[in-house]
Protein backbone atom coordinates (compact mmCIF):
# COMPACT_ATOMS: atom_id res chain seq x y z
CA MET A 1 0.00 0.00 0.00
CA SER A 2 1.86 3.12 1.14
CA SER A 3 4.51 1.31 3.17
CA THR A 4 7.25 2.87 1.06
CA ILE A 5 6.58 6.24 2.66
CA GLY A 6 9.09 5.43 5.37
CA ARG A 7 11.84 4.99 2.78
CA ARG A 8 11.22 8.26 0.98
CA SER A 9 12.48 11.63 2.04
CA ILE A 10 10.05 14.08 3.57
CA GLU A 11 10.05 16.14 0.41
CA GLU A 12 9.11 13.06 -1.65
CA ALA A 13 6.42 12.11 0.84
CA ILE A 14 4.55 15.36 0.27
CA ARG A 15 5.48 15.94 -3.37
CA PRO A 16 2.50 15.64 -5.75
CA ARG A 17 2.65 12.56 -7.95
CA GLN A 18 2.03 12.99 -11.66
CA ARG A 19 -1.04 11.22 -13.02
CA SER A 20 -1.54 10.19 -16.62
CA PHE A 21 -5.31 9.70 -16.45
CA HIS A 22 -8.25 12.02 -16.11
CA ALA A 23 -10.95 11.46 -13.51
CA PRO A 24 -13.99 13.37 -12.28
CA ALA A 25 -13.17 16.14 -9.84
CA LEU A 26 -15.12 14.42 -7.07
CA ASP A 27 -15.75 10.75 -6.42
CA PRO A 28 -19.48 10.23 -7.17
CA TRP A 29 -19.50 6.85 -5.41
CA ILE A 30 -18.47 8.39 -2.08
CA ILE A 31 -21.25 10.96 -2.50
CA ALA A 32 -23.82 8.29 -3.39
CA ALA A 33 -22.85 6.01 -0.49
CA GLY A 34 -22.81 8.87 2.02
CA LEU A 35 -26.17 10.34 0.99
CA GLY A 36 -27.72 6.88 0.82
CA LEU A 37 -26.67 6.04 4.38
CA ILE A 38 -27.93 9.40 5.66
CA ALA A 39 -31.32 8.85 3.98
CA ILE A 40 -31.66 5.37 5.51
CA SER A 41 -30.62 6.77 8.88
CA LEU A 42 -33.33 9.43 8.81
CA MET A 43 -36.00 6.87 7.91
CA ALA A 44 -34.85 4.46 10.61
CA ILE A 45 -34.64 7.15 13.29
CA ASN A 46 -38.04 8.53 12.32
CA GLY A 47 -39.68 5.14 12.74
CA ALA A 48 -37.79 4.15 15.89
CA THR A 49 -38.35 7.39 17.84
CA ALA A 50 -41.88 8.37 16.79
CA ASN A 51 -43.16 7.73 20.32
CA ASP A 52 -40.07 8.74 22.30
CA ILE A 53 -40.94 12.44 22.73
CA LYS A 54 -44.58 13.05 23.54
CA GLY A 55 -46.11 15.58 21.20
CA ASP A 56 -43.12 15.70 18.84
CA THR A 57 -42.88 12.58 16.68
CA SER A 58 -40.03 13.96 14.56
CA TYR A 59 -37.88 15.40 17.34
CA PHE A 60 -34.82 13.21 16.71
CA THR A 61 -35.31 13.08 12.94
CA ASP A 62 -35.38 16.85 12.57
CA ARG A 63 -32.22 17.27 14.60
CA GLN A 64 -30.40 14.53 12.76
CA ALA A 65 -31.34 16.19 9.46
CA ILE A 66 -29.97 19.51 10.72
CA TYR A 67 -26.74 17.86 11.87
CA ALA A 68 -26.40 16.18 8.48
CA GLY A 69 -27.03 19.47 6.67
CA VAL A 70 -24.36 21.30 8.66
CA GLY A 71 -21.97 18.40 8.16
CA LEU A 72 -22.52 18.42 4.40
CA LEU A 73 -21.72 22.14 4.26
CA VAL A 74 -18.49 21.55 6.18
CA ALA A 75 -17.64 18.61 3.89
CA ILE A 76 -18.15 20.79 0.80
CA PHE A 77 -15.82 23.42 2.26
CA LEU A 78 -13.15 20.81 3.01
CA THR A 79 -13.48 19.45 -0.51
CA ARG A 80 -12.38 22.81 -1.89
CA LEU A 81 -9.52 23.06 0.62
CA ASP A 82 -6.12 21.68 -0.29
CA TYR A 83 -5.70 19.03 2.38
CA SER A 84 -1.89 19.42 2.36
CA VAL A 85 -2.35 22.71 4.21
CA LEU A 86 -3.33 20.65 7.25
CA TYR A 87 0.18 19.21 7.48
CA GLN A 88 1.55 22.39 9.01
CA TYR A 89 -1.19 22.29 11.68
CA ARG A 90 -0.41 18.76 12.89
CA ARG A 91 0.85 19.97 16.29
CA LEU A 92 -2.12 22.28 16.73
CA ALA A 93 -4.49 19.42 15.82
CA TRP A 94 -2.96 17.14 18.43
CA GLY A 95 -2.99 19.88 21.05
CA ALA A 96 -6.66 20.62 20.36
CA LEU A 97 -7.41 16.89 20.59
CA VAL A 98 -5.85 16.56 24.04
CA ALA A 99 -7.14 19.89 25.35
CA GLY A 100 -10.70 19.23 24.18
CA ASN A 101 -10.88 15.89 25.95
CA ILE A 102 -9.39 17.32 29.14
CA LEU A 103 -11.84 20.24 29.02
CA VAL A 104 -14.70 17.74 29.30
CA PHE A 105 -13.65 16.98 32.88
CA ILE A 106 -13.78 20.68 33.74
CA VAL A 107 -16.93 21.99 32.07
CA GLY A 108 -18.60 18.85 30.71
CA GLY A 109 -21.90 17.48 31.90
CA SER A 110 -22.39 13.98 33.29
CA THR A 111 -24.90 11.55 31.79
CA ARG A 112 -25.36 7.99 33.07
CA GLY A 113 -22.04 8.14 34.86
CA SER A 114 -20.13 9.31 31.80
CA GLN A 115 -18.61 12.75 31.31
CA ARG A 116 -18.21 13.12 27.56
CA TRP A 117 -20.20 16.15 26.43
CA ILE A 118 -19.92 19.92 26.57
CA SER A 119 -23.28 21.67 26.47
CA LEU A 120 -23.59 24.33 23.78
CA PRO A 121 -26.71 26.16 22.55
CA PHE A 122 -28.83 23.63 20.62
CA PHE A 123 -25.96 21.14 20.57
CA GLN A 124 -24.10 18.68 22.78
CA LEU A 125 -20.46 18.71 21.67
CA GLN A 126 -18.54 15.48 22.17
CA PRO A 127 -14.83 16.35 21.84
CA SER A 128 -13.80 12.69 21.70
CA GLU A 129 -15.80 12.27 18.47
CA LEU A 130 -14.31 15.28 16.69
CA GLY A 131 -10.98 14.19 18.13
CA LYS A 132 -10.95 11.22 15.74
CA VAL A 133 -10.37 13.51 12.76
CA LEU A 134 -7.89 15.66 14.70
CA LEU A 135 -5.93 12.51 15.56
CA ILE A 136 -5.88 11.43 11.91
CA VAL A 137 -4.51 14.82 10.82
CA ALA A 138 -1.93 14.84 13.61
CA ILE A 139 -0.60 11.31 13.30
CA ALA A 140 -0.55 11.48 9.48
CA GLY A 141 1.46 14.69 9.69
CA PHE A 142 3.93 13.30 12.21
CA GLY A 143 4.17 10.11 10.15
CA VAL A 144 5.40 12.18 7.22
CA GLU A 145 7.70 14.26 9.42
CA TYR A 146 9.42 11.14 10.78
CA ALA A 147 9.31 9.26 7.46
CA ARG A 148 13.08 8.93 7.09
CA ARG A 149 13.45 7.48 10.60
CA ILE A 150 10.39 5.23 10.57
CA ALA A 151 12.53 2.12 11.26
CA ASP A 152 13.73 3.64 14.55
CA SER A 153 11.95 2.08 17.53
CA ARG A 154 11.89 5.48 19.26
CA VAL A 155 9.92 6.92 16.35
CA THR A 156 7.47 4.02 16.56
CA LEU A 157 6.93 4.68 20.26
CA ARG A 158 6.54 8.40 19.63
CA LEU A 159 3.91 7.88 16.92
CA LEU A 160 2.12 5.28 19.03
CA GLY A 161 2.08 7.69 21.96
CA ILE A 162 0.36 10.31 19.80
CA ALA A 163 -2.65 7.97 19.67
CA VAL A 164 -2.38 6.22 23.04
CA LEU A 165 -2.16 9.32 25.24
CA PRO A 166 -5.49 10.85 24.11
CA ALA A 167 -6.98 7.34 24.06
CA GLY A 168 -6.13 7.03 27.75
CA ILE A 169 -7.77 10.38 28.50
CA VAL A 170 -10.92 9.36 26.62
CA ALA A 171 -11.02 6.00 28.43
CA LEU A 172 -11.25 7.90 31.74
CA GLN A 173 -14.45 9.75 30.68
CA PRO A 174 -15.24 6.75 30.45
CA ASP A 175 -15.58 6.08 26.71
CA LEU A 176 -13.80 2.83 26.02
CA GLY A 177 -15.23 2.48 22.52
CA THR A 178 -13.83 5.78 21.24
CA ALA A 179 -10.50 5.06 22.96
CA LEU A 180 -10.27 1.84 20.96
CA VAL A 181 -11.01 3.78 17.76
CA TYR A 182 -8.06 6.06 18.55
CA VAL A 183 -5.78 3.05 18.98
CA ALA A 184 -7.05 1.50 15.73
CA ILE A 185 -6.28 4.75 13.87
CA GLY A 186 -2.79 4.84 15.34
CA ILE A 187 -2.01 1.23 14.38
CA ALA A 188 -3.36 1.72 10.84
CA VAL A 189 -1.30 4.85 10.17
CA LEU A 190 1.83 3.24 11.64
CA THR A 191 1.35 0.29 9.30
CA ALA A 192 0.73 2.49 6.26
CA ALA A 193 3.77 4.64 7.10
CA GLY A 194 6.07 1.63 6.81
CA THR A 195 6.67 0.73 10.46
CA PRO A 196 8.75 -2.48 10.60
CA ALA A 197 6.81 -5.69 11.18
CA ARG A 198 8.79 -6.48 14.33
CA HIS A 199 7.61 -3.22 15.88
CA LEU A 200 3.99 -3.97 14.98
CA LEU A 201 4.29 -7.46 16.47
CA ALA A 202 5.72 -5.97 19.66
CA ILE A 203 2.79 -3.52 19.83
CA THR A 204 0.32 -6.38 19.33
CA ALA A 205 1.96 -8.42 22.08
CA GLY A 206 1.90 -5.41 24.38
CA GLY A 207 -1.78 -4.84 23.65
CA LEU A 208 -2.70 -8.44 24.43
CA ALA A 209 -0.67 -8.30 27.63
CA THR A 210 -2.49 -5.11 28.64
CA ILE A 211 -5.88 -6.72 28.06
CA LEU A 212 -4.89 -9.72 30.15
CA LEU A 213 -3.58 -7.44 32.88
CA VAL A 214 -6.73 -5.29 33.03
CA LEU A 215 -9.30 -8.09 32.76
CA ALA A 216 -7.63 -10.85 34.78
CA VAL A 217 -4.40 -10.15 36.64
CA LEU A 218 -5.24 -6.84 38.35
CA PRO A 219 -8.84 -7.81 39.32
CA ALA A 220 -7.45 -10.98 40.90
CA ALA A 221 -5.15 -8.75 42.97
CA GLY A 222 -8.07 -6.56 44.01
CA VAL A 223 -7.33 -3.68 41.62
CA ASP A 224 -10.18 -2.83 39.23
CA LEU A 225 -9.37 -0.36 36.46
CA LEU A 226 -12.67 -0.93 34.67
CA ARG A 227 -16.12 -0.42 36.08
CA PRO A 228 -18.21 -3.58 36.63
CA TYR A 229 -20.61 -2.78 33.77
CA GLN A 230 -17.66 -2.33 31.40
CA VAL A 231 -16.28 -5.75 32.29
CA GLN A 232 -19.74 -7.27 31.80
CA ARG A 233 -20.06 -5.68 28.37
CA LEU A 234 -16.60 -6.81 27.29
CA THR A 235 -17.14 -10.41 28.38
CA GLY A 236 -20.93 -10.83 28.11
CA PHE A 237 -20.94 -11.30 24.32
CA ILE A 238 -19.07 -14.61 24.79
CA ASN A 239 -22.18 -16.06 26.46
CA PRO A 240 -25.20 -13.81 25.72
CA SER A 241 -27.61 -15.98 27.71
CA SER A 242 -25.55 -15.87 30.90
CA ASP A 243 -27.29 -12.80 32.34
CA PRO A 244 -30.28 -11.94 30.10
CA GLY A 245 -31.80 -9.58 32.65
CA ASN A 246 -28.81 -7.31 33.01
CA ALA A 247 -25.41 -7.45 31.31
CA THR A 248 -26.54 -9.17 28.11
CA TYR A 249 -30.05 -7.73 27.87
CA GLN A 250 -29.15 -5.33 25.07
CA VAL A 251 -27.55 -7.89 22.80
CA ASN A 252 -30.37 -10.39 23.36
CA GLN A 253 -33.01 -7.84 22.40
CA SER A 254 -30.94 -6.87 19.37
CA LEU A 255 -30.69 -10.48 18.21
CA ILE A 256 -34.46 -10.89 18.61
CA ALA A 257 -35.08 -7.74 16.57
CA ILE A 258 -32.75 -8.71 13.74
CA GLY A 259 -33.94 -12.32 13.69
CA SER A 260 -37.62 -11.35 13.59
CA GLY A 261 -37.01 -9.20 10.51
CA GLN A 262 -36.23 -12.29 8.44
CA ARG A 263 -35.97 -11.62 4.69
CA LEU A 264 -38.05 -8.49 4.03
CA GLY A 265 -38.63 -7.12 7.53
CA ARG A 266 -41.71 -6.51 9.65
CA GLY A 267 -42.39 -2.95 8.53
CA GLY A 268 -43.18 -0.04 10.81
CA SER A 269 -46.29 -1.38 12.55
CA GLY A 270 -44.91 -4.89 13.02
CA ALA A 271 -41.54 -3.88 14.48
CA THR A 272 -42.54 -4.57 18.08
CA GLN A 273 -39.00 -4.76 19.49
CA THR A 274 -38.49 -1.17 18.45
CA GLY A 275 -42.04 0.16 18.77
CA LEU A 276 -42.58 -1.23 22.28
CA ASP A 277 -39.13 -0.10 23.48
CA PHE A 278 -37.75 -3.57 24.15
CA LEU A 279 -34.68 -2.61 22.13
CA PRO A 280 -32.59 -0.09 24.11
CA GLU A 281 -30.67 2.75 22.45
CA HIS A 282 -32.63 2.06 19.27
CA HIS A 283 -31.65 5.32 17.59
CA THR A 284 -27.97 5.36 18.61
CA ASP A 285 -25.88 2.25 19.32
CA PHE A 286 -28.44 -0.27 18.05
CA ILE A 287 -29.73 1.49 14.96
CA PHE A 288 -28.62 -1.47 12.81
CA ALA A 289 -30.97 -3.74 14.76
CA VAL A 290 -33.81 -1.33 13.93
CA ILE A 291 -32.96 -1.66 10.24
CA GLY A 292 -32.84 -5.46 10.52
CA GLU A 293 -36.26 -5.61 12.17
CA ARG A 294 -38.03 -3.09 9.94
CA TRP A 295 -36.49 -4.01 6.56
CA GLY A 296 -35.07 -7.46 7.19
CA PHE A 297 -32.09 -9.05 5.47
CA VAL A 298 -32.62 -6.93 2.35
CA GLY A 299 -32.39 -3.64 4.27
CA ALA A 300 -29.42 -4.77 6.34
CA ALA A 301 -27.62 -6.01 3.22
CA LEU A 302 -28.20 -2.67 1.49
CA VAL A 303 -26.62 -0.80 4.40
CA ILE A 304 -23.61 -3.14 4.45
CA ALA A 305 -23.25 -2.78 0.67
CA LEU A 306 -23.18 1.02 0.96
CA TYR A 307 -20.50 0.77 3.64
CA ALA A 308 -18.50 -1.62 1.46
CA LEU A 309 -18.72 0.86 -1.41
CA LEU A 310 -17.57 3.70 0.83
CA LEU A 311 -14.63 1.75 2.23
CA TRP A 312 -13.59 0.53 -1.22
CA ARG A 313 -13.39 4.07 -2.56
CA ALA A 314 -11.48 5.19 0.53
CA VAL A 315 -8.96 2.34 0.24
CA ARG A 316 -8.56 3.21 -3.43
CA LEU A 317 -7.55 6.73 -2.44
CA VAL A 318 -4.81 5.37 -0.16
CA LEU A 319 -3.12 4.21 -3.36
CA LEU A 320 -4.07 7.12 -5.61
CA ALA A 321 -3.28 10.02 -3.27
CA ARG A 322 -0.84 12.48 -4.84
CA ASP A 323 1.46 12.44 -1.79
CA GLY A 324 2.33 10.57 1.38
CA PHE A 325 0.37 12.87 3.67
CA GLY A 326 -2.80 12.29 1.66
CA SER A 327 -2.19 8.55 1.67
CA LEU A 328 -1.81 8.49 5.46
CA LEU A 329 -4.90 10.68 5.89
CA CYS A 330 -6.93 8.18 3.87
CA SER A 331 -5.43 5.26 5.82
CA GLY A 332 -6.55 6.84 9.08
CA ILE A 333 -10.04 7.51 7.74
CA VAL A 334 -10.37 3.94 6.45
CA SER A 335 -9.42 2.57 9.86
CA MET A 336 -11.78 4.95 11.68
CA LEU A 337 -14.76 4.02 9.51
CA GLY A 338 -13.93 0.33 9.16
CA PHE A 339 -13.36 -0.23 12.87
CA GLN A 340 -16.59 1.50 13.86
CA ILE A 341 -18.66 -0.30 11.24
CA PHE A 342 -17.29 -3.71 12.18
CA VAL A 343 -17.59 -3.23 15.94
CA ASN A 344 -21.06 -1.65 15.87
CA ILE A 345 -22.65 -4.17 13.52
CA GLY A 346 -20.78 -6.94 15.30
CA MET A 347 -22.17 -5.97 18.71
CA THR A 348 -25.74 -5.91 17.37
CA LEU A 349 -25.16 -9.46 16.05
CA GLY A 350 -23.61 -10.63 19.31
CA ILE A 351 -20.12 -11.30 17.92
CA MET A 352 -18.44 -8.22 19.42
CA PRO A 353 -18.60 -6.66 22.90
CA ILE A 354 -20.84 -3.67 23.52
CA THR A 355 -18.52 -0.66 23.56
CA GLY A 356 -20.81 2.24 22.64
CA VAL A 357 -19.20 2.80 19.23
CA PRO A 358 -21.68 4.62 16.93
CA LEU A 359 -22.48 3.43 13.41
CA PRO A 360 -21.08 6.10 11.02
CA LEU A 361 -23.75 8.24 9.31
CA MET A 362 -26.47 6.07 10.85
CA SER A 363 -26.48 6.50 14.63
CA TYR A 364 -28.17 9.60 16.01
CA GLY A 365 -25.77 12.26 17.22
CA GLY A 366 -24.47 15.58 15.97
CA SER A 367 -20.80 15.05 16.84
CA SER A 368 -20.75 11.61 15.24
CA ILE A 369 -22.31 12.54 11.90
CA LEU A 370 -20.31 15.78 11.72
CA THR A 371 -17.05 13.89 12.30
CA THR A 372 -17.86 11.33 9.60
CA LEU A 373 -18.81 13.99 7.05
CA ILE A 374 -15.61 15.91 7.80
CA ALA A 375 -13.72 12.69 7.04
CA LEU A 376 -15.61 12.25 3.77
CA GLY A 377 -14.83 15.86 2.86
CA LEU A 378 -11.13 15.15 3.35
CA LEU A 379 -11.43 12.04 1.17
CA GLN A 380 -12.93 14.15 -1.59
CA SER A 381 -10.16 16.72 -1.20
CA VAL A 382 -7.59 13.96 -1.68
CA HIS A 383 -9.51 12.64 -4.69
CA LEU A 384 -9.79 16.06 -6.31
CA ARG A 385 -6.05 16.68 -6.12
CA ALA A 386 -5.15 13.13 -7.14
CA ALA A 387 -7.24 13.55 -10.28
CA HIS A 388 -6.16 17.13 -10.98
CA PRO A 389 -2.81 17.97 -9.31
CA ALA A 390 -2.90 21.45 -10.81
CA ALA A 391 -5.99 22.21 -8.70
CA ALA A 392 -3.86 22.31 -5.53
CA ALA A 393 -3.56 25.90 -4.41
CA VAL A 394 -0.87 25.33 -1.79
CA ARG A 395 2.01 22.90 -1.60
CA THR A 396 3.33 22.19 1.87
CA ARG A 397 7.01 22.98 2.46
CA VAL A 398 8.91 21.11 5.15
CA ARG A 399 12.24 22.14 6.55
CA VAL A 400 14.55 19.18 7.05
């Protein structure tokens, strides 16, 4: 893929590559997949939440539509922006990422024992969500900066720390799901930047050792780093019927909803798991289960197909990007989207632990949909300049 970045000089890593073909300015397939997922999301949220707010059947739908509209405007702006300009703001991006997640502990509100949001007029800002894109910009920039020394173990640790430090802060909110997304982004960009395989194996071994330490060794010694409900969520998916009234209630209700949808779904009036509120978090974490119940296998397959299309076009841009920074940006975005899609759909099917990871462009939430649309805007910016290098208004200069 772009593993040769580590063997190129910094100037080569950000130098536009010459293309001999002509392509549309924007990728129409990314646009089609994104708009299709947003449309399905609005229909699913509208049906799932019609009775949630008394006297306002479209409360959540209207707000999700507004969030999507604002996000599309931001995405259009980013499309016209030369993404290479962001390279020089890599330190600022990382600083904003860390500061935003620390600020939550100072001025953020607490909901269900979690402190993740900052209340703004008409909007609940979740810095950890927007931090995903900031992390991608930061670690992609530092990956290019350290390209010539990528084989140095100290560089590997430094790049890994760029992702792990904010992940640790987010985990304390507590938001374990988003913390894992941060780590996934870091590993993906390290891999794409050309980090030696021995370093990646060492990171994997360290990660497995950390999991064992947190889930088994420390609890046995009387030290609990995770809250009881977090441990139940992380281990309950192994045996969903072990505690159907508490720890595994959500996944059991999700499996019932998806299973009852069968081939063509039960429609709006027949979707009792959703309509009678048996399915918890039906418009956020478990929106895929709503789709499975209402529209069955056909609806669920359509959603997965749209995600596959989106990921395919993003992976394609990893290879076609005009420079190393663009390639690493796309690698980070692919990992962010792919990890969230796999984990969210997996937890609704009972094959992954419940971690609170939203389904991109589908789950209700302003910060989530805005973050995803920002990422898609950056993908389009990379595509535009890969297809037409002359369209780039600014070329980043790096002092060696």
